[in-house]
Protein backbone atom coordinates (compact mmCIF):
# COMPACT_ATOMS: atom_id res chain seq x y z
CA UNK A 1 13.84 51.54 45.94
CA UNK A 2 11.29 49.17 44.31
CA UNK A 3 9.77 52.00 42.36
CA UNK A 4 13.05 53.06 41.28
CA UNK A 5 13.89 49.63 39.94
CA UNK A 6 10.64 49.20 38.16
CA UNK A 7 11.00 52.77 36.77
CA UNK A 8 14.33 51.70 35.38
CA UNK A 9 13.08 48.64 33.76
CA UNK A 10 10.14 50.57 32.10
CA UNK A 11 12.73 52.97 30.59
CA UNK A 12 14.79 49.97 29.25
CA UNK A 13 11.69 48.52 27.82
CA UNK A 14 10.49 51.70 26.18
CA UNK A 15 13.98 52.40 24.63
CA UNK A 16 13.97 48.97 23.11
CA UNK A 17 10.62 49.29 21.68
CA UNK A 18 11.28 52.80 20.29
CA UNK A 19 14.48 51.98 18.75
CA UNK A 20 13.50 48.51 17.09
CA UNK A 21 9.95 48.71 16.17
CA UNK A 22 9.58 49.47 12.57
CA UNK A 23 13.24 48.63 11.43
CA UNK A 24 14.06 46.20 8.77
CA UNK A 25 16.86 43.51 9.16
CA UNK A 26 19.67 45.79 8.03
CA UNK A 27 18.61 48.73 10.41
CA UNK A 28 18.22 46.23 13.31
CA UNK A 29 21.63 45.07 12.67
CA UNK A 30 23.12 48.67 12.55
CA UNK A 31 21.13 49.45 15.82
CA UNK A 32 22.65 46.44 17.51
CA UNK A 33 26.34 47.25 16.37
CA UNK A 34 25.73 50.74 17.48
CA UNK A 35 24.23 49.75 20.89
CA UNK A 36 27.33 47.21 21.21
CA UNK A 37 29.73 50.11 20.71
CA UNK A 38 28.00 52.20 23.30
CA UNK A 39 27.31 49.58 26.19
CA UNK A 40 29.61 46.67 25.28
CA UNK A 41 32.82 48.42 25.30
CA UNK A 42 32.41 49.73 28.74
CA UNK A 43 31.35 46.23 29.88
CA UNK A 44 34.24 44.91 28.35
CA UNK A 45 36.43 47.18 30.29
CA UNK A 46 34.95 46.10 33.49
CA UNK A 47 35.28 42.43 32.42
CA UNK A 48 38.80 43.15 31.57
CA UNK A 49 39.41 44.35 35.33
CA UNK A 50 37.96 41.15 36.62
CA UNK A 51 39.97 38.96 34.20
CA UNK A 52 43.13 40.51 35.48
CA UNK A 53 42.67 38.82 38.94
CA UNK A 54 41.64 35.68 37.22
CA UNK A 55 44.90 35.45 35.46
CA UNK A 56 43.52 36.22 31.93
CA UNK A 57 45.29 38.53 29.64
CA UNK A 58 43.11 40.64 27.28
CA UNK A 59 45.67 43.12 26.45
CA UNK A 60 45.83 42.33 22.71
CA UNK A 61 42.23 42.88 22.46
CA UNK A 62 42.43 46.42 24.09
CA UNK A 63 45.37 47.12 22.28
CA UNK A 64 43.52 46.54 18.93
CA UNK A 65 40.64 48.67 20.08
CA UNK A 66 43.01 51.49 20.99
CA UNK A 67 44.83 50.99 17.79
CA UNK A 68 41.75 51.26 15.72
CA UNK A 69 40.15 54.08 17.83
CA UNK A 70 40.96 56.90 15.24
CA UNK A 71 38.50 54.95 12.90
CA UNK A 72 35.40 53.78 14.97
CA UNK A 73 35.34 56.61 17.43
CA UNK A 74 34.79 59.24 14.72
CA UNK A 75 32.35 57.11 13.15
CA UNK A 76 30.27 56.83 16.25
CA UNK A 77 30.52 60.59 16.80
CA UNK A 78 29.48 61.19 13.17
CA UNK A 79 26.40 58.89 13.62
CA UNK A 80 25.61 60.89 16.78
CA UNK A 81 25.81 64.12 15.26
CA UNK A 82 24.07 63.35 11.96
CA UNK A 83 21.25 62.01 13.86
CA UNK A 84 20.77 65.12 16.03
CA UNK A 85 21.51 67.48 13.18
CA UNK A 86 18.76 66.04 10.89
CA UNK A 87 16.34 65.93 13.68
CA UNK A 88 17.04 69.59 14.37
CA UNK A 89 16.93 70.93 10.93
CA UNK A 90 13.86 68.87 9.82
CA UNK A 91 11.73 69.85 12.87
CA UNK A 92 12.72 73.43 12.04
CA UNK A 93 11.64 73.09 8.49
CA UNK A 94 8.40 71.48 9.57
CA UNK A 95 7.49 74.11 11.97
CA UNK A 96 8.16 76.81 9.26
CA UNK A 97 5.74 75.10 6.77
CA UNK A 98 2.77 75.54 8.88
CA UNK A 99 -0.48 73.34 8.37
CA UNK A 100 -4.07 73.49 7.60
CA UNK A 101 -6.97 71.31 8.07
CA UNK A 102 -10.21 71.19 6.15
CA UNK A 103 -13.61 69.42 6.69
CA UNK A 104 -15.37 67.83 3.79
CA UNK A 105 -19.12 67.82 3.92
CA UNK A 106 -20.88 65.49 1.48
CA UNK A 107 -24.27 65.64 -0.34
CA UNK A 108 -26.90 63.17 0.31
CA UNK A 109 -26.42 61.74 -3.08
CA UNK A 110 -22.75 61.04 -4.04
CA UNK A 111 -22.94 59.42 -7.39
CA UNK A 112 -19.27 58.65 -7.68
CA UNK A 113 -17.33 55.43 -7.08
CA UNK A 114 -14.08 55.22 -5.08
CA UNK A 115 -12.24 55.56 -8.36
CA UNK A 116 -12.83 59.44 -8.06
CA UNK A 117 -11.05 59.36 -4.79
CA UNK A 118 -8.26 57.45 -6.32
CA UNK A 119 -7.69 60.17 -8.81
CA UNK A 120 -7.48 62.67 -5.98
CA UNK A 121 -5.16 60.60 -3.99
CA UNK A 122 -2.90 60.10 -7.01
CA UNK A 123 -2.60 64.02 -7.17
CA UNK A 124 -1.15 63.89 -3.64
CA UNK A 125 1.80 61.79 -4.81
CA UNK A 126 4.24 64.66 -4.29
CA UNK A 127 7.77 63.15 -4.28
CA UNK A 128 9.27 66.57 -4.10
CA UNK A 129 12.81 67.62 -5.31
CA UNK A 130 15.68 68.85 -3.26
CA UNK A 131 19.30 69.73 -3.52
CA UNK A 132 22.08 68.92 -1.24
CA UNK A 133 21.53 72.26 0.42
CA UNK A 134 17.87 71.63 0.94
CA UNK A 135 18.49 68.21 2.47
CA UNK A 136 21.63 68.64 4.71
CA UNK A 137 21.27 72.51 5.50
CA UNK A 138 17.51 73.48 5.22
CA UNK A 139 16.19 70.09 6.26
CA UNK A 140 13.53 69.95 3.52
CA UNK A 141 11.38 66.81 3.67
CA UNK A 142 8.68 65.24 1.37
CA UNK A 143 5.13 66.43 2.19
CA UNK A 144 2.70 64.14 3.71
CA UNK A 145 -1.03 64.22 4.22
CA UNK A 146 -3.47 62.97 6.88
CA UNK A 147 -6.80 61.57 5.68
CA UNK A 148 -9.09 61.43 8.75
CA UNK A 149 -12.46 59.97 9.61
CA UNK A 150 -13.64 61.08 12.93
CA UNK A 151 -16.56 60.39 15.21
CA UNK A 152 -17.49 62.94 17.80
CA UNK A 153 -20.23 62.23 20.12
CA UNK A 154 -21.49 59.68 17.31
CA UNK A 155 -21.37 62.31 14.52
CA UNK A 156 -19.17 61.08 11.75
CA UNK A 157 -17.02 63.58 9.82
CA UNK A 158 -14.36 63.77 7.18
CA UNK A 159 -11.03 65.87 7.42
CA UNK A 160 -7.77 66.16 5.53
CA UNK A 161 -4.73 67.59 7.26
CA UNK A 162 -1.89 69.04 5.03
CA UNK A 163 0.94 71.67 4.89
CA UNK A 164 -0.54 75.07 4.48
CA UNK A 165 0.91 75.53 1.04
CA UNK A 166 -1.04 72.46 -0.47
CA UNK A 167 -4.39 73.65 0.77
CA UNK A 168 -5.22 75.28 -2.56
CA UNK A 169 -4.17 72.43 -4.49
CA UNK A 170 -6.00 69.89 -2.24
CA UNK A 171 -9.28 71.92 -2.46
CA UNK A 172 -9.00 72.22 -6.30
CA UNK A 173 -8.51 68.56 -6.75
CA UNK A 174 -11.27 67.57 -4.38
CA UNK A 175 -13.77 69.88 -6.40
CA UNK A 176 -12.60 68.51 -9.63
CA UNK A 177 -13.73 64.96 -8.71
CA UNK A 178 -16.55 65.90 -6.21
CA UNK A 179 -18.26 69.25 -7.57
CA UNK A 180 -21.07 68.92 -5.13
CA UNK A 181 -19.21 68.70 -1.93
CA UNK A 182 -18.51 71.66 0.54
CA UNK A 183 -14.99 72.25 1.91
CA UNK A 184 -14.29 74.38 4.95
CA UNK A 185 -11.12 75.37 6.61
CA UNK A 186 -11.54 74.25 10.51
CA UNK A 187 -9.69 74.36 13.55
CA UNK A 188 -8.08 71.10 14.68
CA UNK A 189 -10.74 69.21 16.65
CA UNK A 190 -7.86 67.75 18.92
CA UNK A 191 -6.71 70.92 20.13
CA UNK A 192 -8.81 70.67 23.36
CA UNK A 193 -7.69 66.97 24.05
CA UNK A 194 -5.26 66.50 26.78
CA UNK A 195 -3.71 63.43 28.47
CA UNK A 196 -5.65 63.00 31.84
CA UNK A 197 -6.20 59.31 32.31
CA UNK A 198 -8.37 59.94 35.57
CA UNK A 199 -10.93 62.21 33.82
CA UNK A 200 -10.34 61.34 30.00
CA UNK A 201 -9.36 57.64 29.61
CA UNK A 202 -8.24 56.83 26.19
CA UNK A 203 -6.64 53.88 24.09
CA UNK A 204 -4.76 53.87 20.76
CA UNK A 205 -3.39 51.46 18.24
CA UNK A 206 -1.69 51.17 14.96
CA UNK A 207 -2.70 48.73 12.15
CA UNK A 208 -0.36 46.67 10.22
CA UNK A 209 -0.65 44.22 7.31
CA UNK A 210 -1.14 40.57 7.62
CA UNK A 211 1.23 39.56 4.81
CA UNK A 212 4.09 41.15 3.02
CA UNK A 213 3.36 44.77 1.69
CA UNK A 214 3.55 43.52 -1.94
CA UNK A 215 0.05 41.98 -1.53
CA UNK A 216 -2.91 44.24 -1.88
CA UNK A 217 -5.91 44.32 0.54
CA UNK A 218 -9.29 43.61 -0.63
CA UNK A 219 -10.25 46.89 -2.73
CA UNK A 220 -13.36 48.70 -4.15
CA UNK A 221 -12.49 46.87 -7.37
CA UNK A 222 -12.99 43.39 -5.86
CA UNK A 223 -16.18 44.65 -4.29
CA UNK A 224 -17.62 45.73 -7.91
CA UNK A 225 -17.59 49.28 -7.21
CA UNK A 226 -15.41 50.10 -10.37
CA UNK A 227 -18.26 50.73 -12.76
CA UNK A 228 -20.48 52.91 -10.65
CA UNK A 229 -23.34 50.51 -10.13
CA UNK A 230 -26.74 51.82 -8.92
CA UNK A 231 -26.88 52.70 -5.01
CA UNK A 232 -29.34 49.76 -4.21
CA UNK A 233 -26.75 47.34 -5.57
CA UNK A 234 -23.63 48.71 -4.16
CA UNK A 235 -21.69 46.99 -1.46
CA UNK A 236 -19.41 49.59 0.07
CA UNK A 237 -16.95 48.22 2.58
CA UNK A 238 -16.54 51.51 4.17
CA UNK A 239 -20.30 51.38 5.38
CA UNK A 240 -19.10 48.98 8.23
CA UNK A 241 -16.66 51.40 9.61
CA UNK A 242 -19.12 54.38 9.39
CA UNK A 243 -21.89 52.43 11.22
CA UNK A 244 -19.42 51.47 13.96
CA UNK A 245 -18.27 55.09 14.39
CA UNK A 246 -21.81 56.13 14.37
CA UNK A 247 -22.62 54.15 17.64
CA UNK A 248 -20.66 56.45 19.93
CA UNK A 249 -22.49 58.23 22.78
CA UNK A 250 -22.11 61.67 23.97
CA UNK A 251 -18.66 62.21 25.45
CA UNK A 252 -16.99 59.42 23.25
CA UNK A 253 -14.63 60.16 20.36
CA UNK A 254 -12.79 57.91 17.84
CA UNK A 255 -10.24 59.30 15.60
CA UNK A 256 -8.86 57.56 12.45
CA UNK A 257 -5.64 58.80 10.85
CA UNK A 258 -4.40 57.55 7.50
CA UNK A 259 -1.02 59.26 6.99
CA UNK A 260 0.24 59.00 3.42
CA UNK A 261 3.65 60.07 1.97
CA UNK A 262 4.71 59.47 -1.57
CA UNK A 263 7.21 56.40 -1.96
CA UNK A 264 10.21 57.17 -4.14
CA UNK A 265 13.67 55.64 -4.70
CA UNK A 266 15.88 57.43 -2.04
CA UNK A 267 19.56 58.07 -2.28
CA UNK A 268 22.40 60.16 -0.70
CA UNK A 269 20.81 63.41 -2.18
CA UNK A 270 17.89 62.66 0.14
CA UNK A 271 19.91 61.94 3.10
CA UNK A 272 20.35 58.17 2.84
CA UNK A 273 24.00 56.62 2.89
CA UNK A 274 22.78 53.39 1.30
CA UNK A 275 20.18 53.83 -1.37
CA UNK A 276 16.55 52.64 -0.93
CA UNK A 277 15.34 50.95 -3.95
CA UNK A 278 11.89 51.62 -5.68
CA UNK A 279 9.35 49.21 -4.07
CA UNK A 280 7.90 48.04 -7.46
CA UNK A 281 10.91 45.55 -7.71
CA UNK A 282 9.39 43.61 -4.83
CA UNK A 283 6.14 43.11 -6.83
CA UNK A 284 8.19 41.77 -9.76
CA UNK A 285 10.21 39.33 -7.45
CA UNK A 286 7.03 38.13 -5.87
CA UNK A 287 5.20 37.41 -9.27
CA UNK A 288 8.22 35.50 -10.19
CA UNK A 289 8.39 33.55 -7.14
CA UNK A 290 4.67 32.60 -7.54
CA UNK A 291 5.24 31.24 -11.09
CA UNK A 292 8.30 29.30 -10.03
CA UNK A 293 6.26 27.44 -7.25
CA UNK A 294 3.62 26.66 -9.81
CA UNK A 295 6.03 25.27 -12.44
CA UNK A 296 6.69 21.51 -12.12
CA UNK A 297 10.33 20.18 -12.39
CA UNK A 298 11.07 18.41 -15.41
CA UNK A 299 13.99 15.89 -16.30
CA UNK A 300 14.39 17.02 -20.01
CA UNK A 301 15.91 20.04 -21.46
CA UNK A 302 12.63 21.80 -21.81
CA UNK A 303 11.14 23.82 -18.85
CA UNK A 304 7.91 22.95 -17.27
CA UNK A 305 4.79 25.02 -17.96
CA UNK A 306 3.37 26.80 -14.88
CA UNK A 307 0.24 25.12 -13.55
CA UNK A 308 -1.36 28.06 -11.63
CA UNK A 309 -4.18 27.38 -9.33
CA UNK A 310 -7.12 30.04 -9.18
CA UNK A 311 -5.83 31.50 -5.96
CA UNK A 312 -2.38 32.02 -7.49
CA UNK A 313 -3.87 33.55 -10.61
CA UNK A 314 -5.92 35.95 -8.41
CA UNK A 315 -2.50 36.81 -6.51
CA UNK A 316 -0.75 37.64 -9.81
CA UNK A 317 -3.58 39.70 -11.30
CA UNK A 318 -3.76 41.64 -8.14
CA UNK A 319 -0.11 42.18 -7.90
CA UNK A 320 0.08 43.27 -11.63
CA UNK A 321 -2.70 45.73 -11.12
CA UNK A 322 -0.99 47.06 -8.11
CA UNK A 323 2.19 47.62 -10.09
CA UNK A 324 0.41 50.06 -12.26
CA UNK A 325 -0.63 52.30 -9.36
CA UNK A 326 1.31 54.95 -7.52
CA UNK A 327 2.66 53.72 -4.24
CA UNK A 328 2.47 55.61 -0.60
CA UNK A 329 4.19 54.89 2.55
CA UNK A 330 1.39 54.82 5.09
CA UNK A 331 0.49 54.66 8.72
CA UNK A 332 -2.95 53.82 9.70
CA UNK A 333 -3.74 54.35 13.43
CA UNK A 334 -6.88 54.84 15.55
CA UNK A 335 -7.53 56.42 18.94
CA UNK A 336 -10.34 56.14 21.44
CA UNK A 337 -10.72 59.48 23.70
CA UNK A 338 -13.62 59.58 26.26
CA UNK A 339 -15.10 61.25 29.37
CA UNK A 340 -14.86 59.24 32.56
CA UNK A 341 -18.51 58.91 32.51
CA UNK A 342 -18.87 57.57 28.92
CA UNK A 343 -15.85 55.49 28.92
CA UNK A 344 -16.79 51.93 27.31
CA UNK A 345 -14.11 49.36 27.04
CA UNK A 346 -16.48 47.57 24.51
CA UNK A 347 -15.16 50.05 21.92
CA UNK A 348 -11.75 48.46 21.91
CA UNK A 349 -12.70 45.30 19.98
CA UNK A 350 -14.86 47.54 17.67
CA UNK A 351 -11.82 49.55 16.76
CA UNK A 352 -9.77 46.35 16.17
CA UNK A 353 -12.38 45.28 13.69
CA UNK A 354 -12.82 48.47 11.86
CA UNK A 355 -10.74 47.33 8.84
CA UNK A 356 -11.66 43.60 8.96
CA UNK A 357 -13.84 43.95 5.65
CA UNK A 358 -10.66 44.60 3.59
CA UNK A 359 -8.98 41.24 4.47
CA UNK A 360 -8.76 38.42 2.07
CA UNK A 361 -7.29 34.95 2.51
CA UNK A 362 -5.64 35.11 -0.91
CA UNK A 363 -4.27 38.59 -0.57
CA UNK A 364 -3.76 40.81 2.40
CA UNK A 365 -5.67 42.34 5.21
CA UNK A 366 -5.21 44.71 8.33
CA UNK A 367 -4.61 43.37 11.81
CA UNK A 368 -3.86 45.14 15.06
CA UNK A 369 -0.31 46.55 15.78
CA UNK A 370 1.31 48.33 18.74
CA UNK A 371 -1.20 49.60 21.20
CA UNK A 372 -0.98 51.73 24.37
CA UNK A 373 -1.60 49.14 26.98
CA UNK A 374 -0.12 45.93 28.07
CA UNK A 375 -1.17 42.25 28.36
CA UNK A 376 0.22 41.50 31.79
CA UNK A 377 0.42 43.59 35.02
CA UNK A 378 4.23 42.92 35.55
CA UNK A 379 4.86 44.70 32.12
CA UNK A 380 3.76 48.08 33.44
CA UNK A 381 4.36 48.91 37.10
CA UNK A 382 1.89 51.42 38.54
CA UNK A 383 0.93 52.23 34.95
CA UNK A 384 4.09 54.11 34.29
CA UNK A 385 4.73 52.75 30.83
CA UNK A 386 1.02 53.15 29.81
CA UNK A 387 0.77 56.83 30.72
CA UNK A 388 3.97 57.56 28.85
CA UNK A 389 2.76 55.65 25.74
CA UNK A 390 -0.67 57.42 25.80
CA UNK A 391 0.83 60.83 26.20
CA UNK A 392 3.28 60.27 23.34
CA UNK A 393 0.71 58.68 21.04
CA UNK A 394 -1.70 61.70 21.70
CA UNK A 395 0.95 64.15 20.93
CA UNK A 396 1.99 62.19 17.74
CA UNK A 397 -1.70 62.38 16.60
CA UNK A 398 -1.87 66.14 17.18
CA UNK A 399 1.21 66.70 15.16
CA UNK A 400 0.37 64.28 12.62
CA UNK A 401 3.91 63.16 13.00
CA UNK A 402 5.16 59.73 11.90
CA UNK A 403 7.41 60.05 8.91
CA UNK A 404 9.62 62.78 10.48
CA UNK A 405 10.77 63.92 13.87
CA UNK A 406 9.69 64.20 16.66
CA UNK A 407 7.80 60.78 16.26
CA UNK A 408 9.54 59.25 13.36
CA UNK A 409 8.27 55.62 12.90
CA UNK A 410 7.07 55.85 16.55
CA UNK A 411 6.01 52.25 17.56
CA UNK A 412 5.21 51.35 13.95
CA UNK A 413 6.92 51.03 10.53
CA UNK A 414 5.51 52.36 7.40
CA UNK A 415 3.39 50.03 5.30
CA UNK A 416 3.00 50.58 1.43
CA UNK A 417 -0.41 51.00 0.12
CA UNK A 418 -1.34 51.87 -3.55
CA UNK A 419 -3.81 54.62 -4.55
CA UNK A 420 -6.54 51.99 -5.10
CA UNK A 421 -6.13 50.59 -1.46
CA UNK A 422 -6.11 54.03 0.15
CA UNK A 423 -9.20 55.15 -1.82
CA UNK A 424 -10.89 51.94 -0.66
CA UNK A 425 -10.45 52.76 3.11
CA UNK A 426 -11.07 56.40 2.65
CA UNK A 427 -13.68 57.82 0.20
CA UNK A 428 -16.94 59.47 0.32
CA UNK A 429 -19.86 57.15 0.42
CA UNK A 430 -23.04 57.52 -1.45
CA UNK A 431 -26.61 57.08 -0.16
CA UNK A 432 -25.88 53.31 0.47
CA UNK A 433 -24.39 54.60 3.81
CA UNK A 434 -27.43 55.11 5.84
CA UNK A 435 -25.49 56.07 9.10
CA UNK A 436 -27.88 58.63 10.55
CA UNK A 437 -24.99 60.64 12.21
CA UNK A 438 -22.86 60.85 9.07
CA UNK A 439 -22.44 64.67 8.33
CA UNK A 440 -24.01 65.57 5.10
CA UNK A 441 -25.20 68.74 3.14
CA UNK A 442 -28.91 69.08 3.63
CA UNK A 443 -29.55 70.22 0.05
CA UNK A 444 -27.90 69.82 -3.21
CA UNK A 445 -25.76 72.86 -4.70
CA UNK A 446 -26.72 73.90 -8.43
CA UNK A 447 -25.68 76.49 -10.66
CA UNK A 448 -27.75 79.40 -11.42
CA UNK A 449 -29.77 79.41 -14.75
CA UNK A 450 -27.81 80.71 -17.52
CA UNK A 451 -30.72 82.97 -18.84
CA UNK A 452 -31.19 85.07 -15.66
CA UNK A 453 -31.64 89.02 -16.47
CA UNK A 454 -28.60 90.88 -15.37
């Protein structure tokens, strides 16, 4: 009986977390009203039964409910049907698309700044076009990509996951910016991973932003990498991440996924009853808010002149620079997977600090989001909830599922990152990165001389 009670409580906790994490205020209100209609009305009937014996009369209330039933009952049924229908047709579309994974091997000398990666990521801003038939019958969705940095037994490697039809486009754009790299289509390195907490303990987490999405993180431009400085003068923030990944022992793995999907204005044609506006408007509103805060009030008819501090000037400059970039909806998550013998809990704080170098007091930064364990023992009776979270987290990682079913917005909400920010946390480092286990090409590829005899 005790296990049944705690199991039921775990289920309630999980449903609440799954439904409410990642929702904005309007979506939470909608979820609350929908839940109230499902659970509140039956509870009201029970209450009405008790109220009869208490001498209370709620007949007008139930009379109104029954009178308006032809309105609210079809709406609830329509909501349930559309949710199930969209999930079915979109999962069918995604399964039919297929996927491909490539590994990128970089040369010892990469004389390119992260701006080259920014150009490549800009080419992935695929908003897609869809008709009403595509959206409501075929289940067509916008493409998404997964940029991955992986450490297996301490060996650091770069991967990109995509839908199969985009493989040629991705390779072409990569070679355009990095002609000396080598690209190979490979098997998914996660295929052999399974959820077995006894023999293969694991831990996963999402990352979220410290402040509102409009504020950018500290990027490669702030670190002075825009002008391609000499290698000995470079300060590449990615090297901290690579060094941390390079310390893993045999039997340990850390997977970093940066899932990106082009952000665009969404309307009824894309399956949204209420339009989702372009995110750039929030940048304009935030800039105006900062200027108003810096403008002193005046008693006369002439408005005051904004007296911006250095920090406010930096904020506005960064926001205006971001407004000129292409926005992506993103999910950043990391997962630790290990054998029982090599398992090391000291990796957890190392994972939490993987993106610390991109934080700024004036701007934005990353911090830990939802993770797969719990702070107190009474939150997870006999590890029921943690096992469930780990299993689903691992499956979501394998499927690269976040923007669409079956794990749409699972335990996190999308964050907005511009191309400059994504290129900062995912790019190919030069020789300034001295991590010995970083996978590199042993020799540089050059073209044959043009005057060779035929």
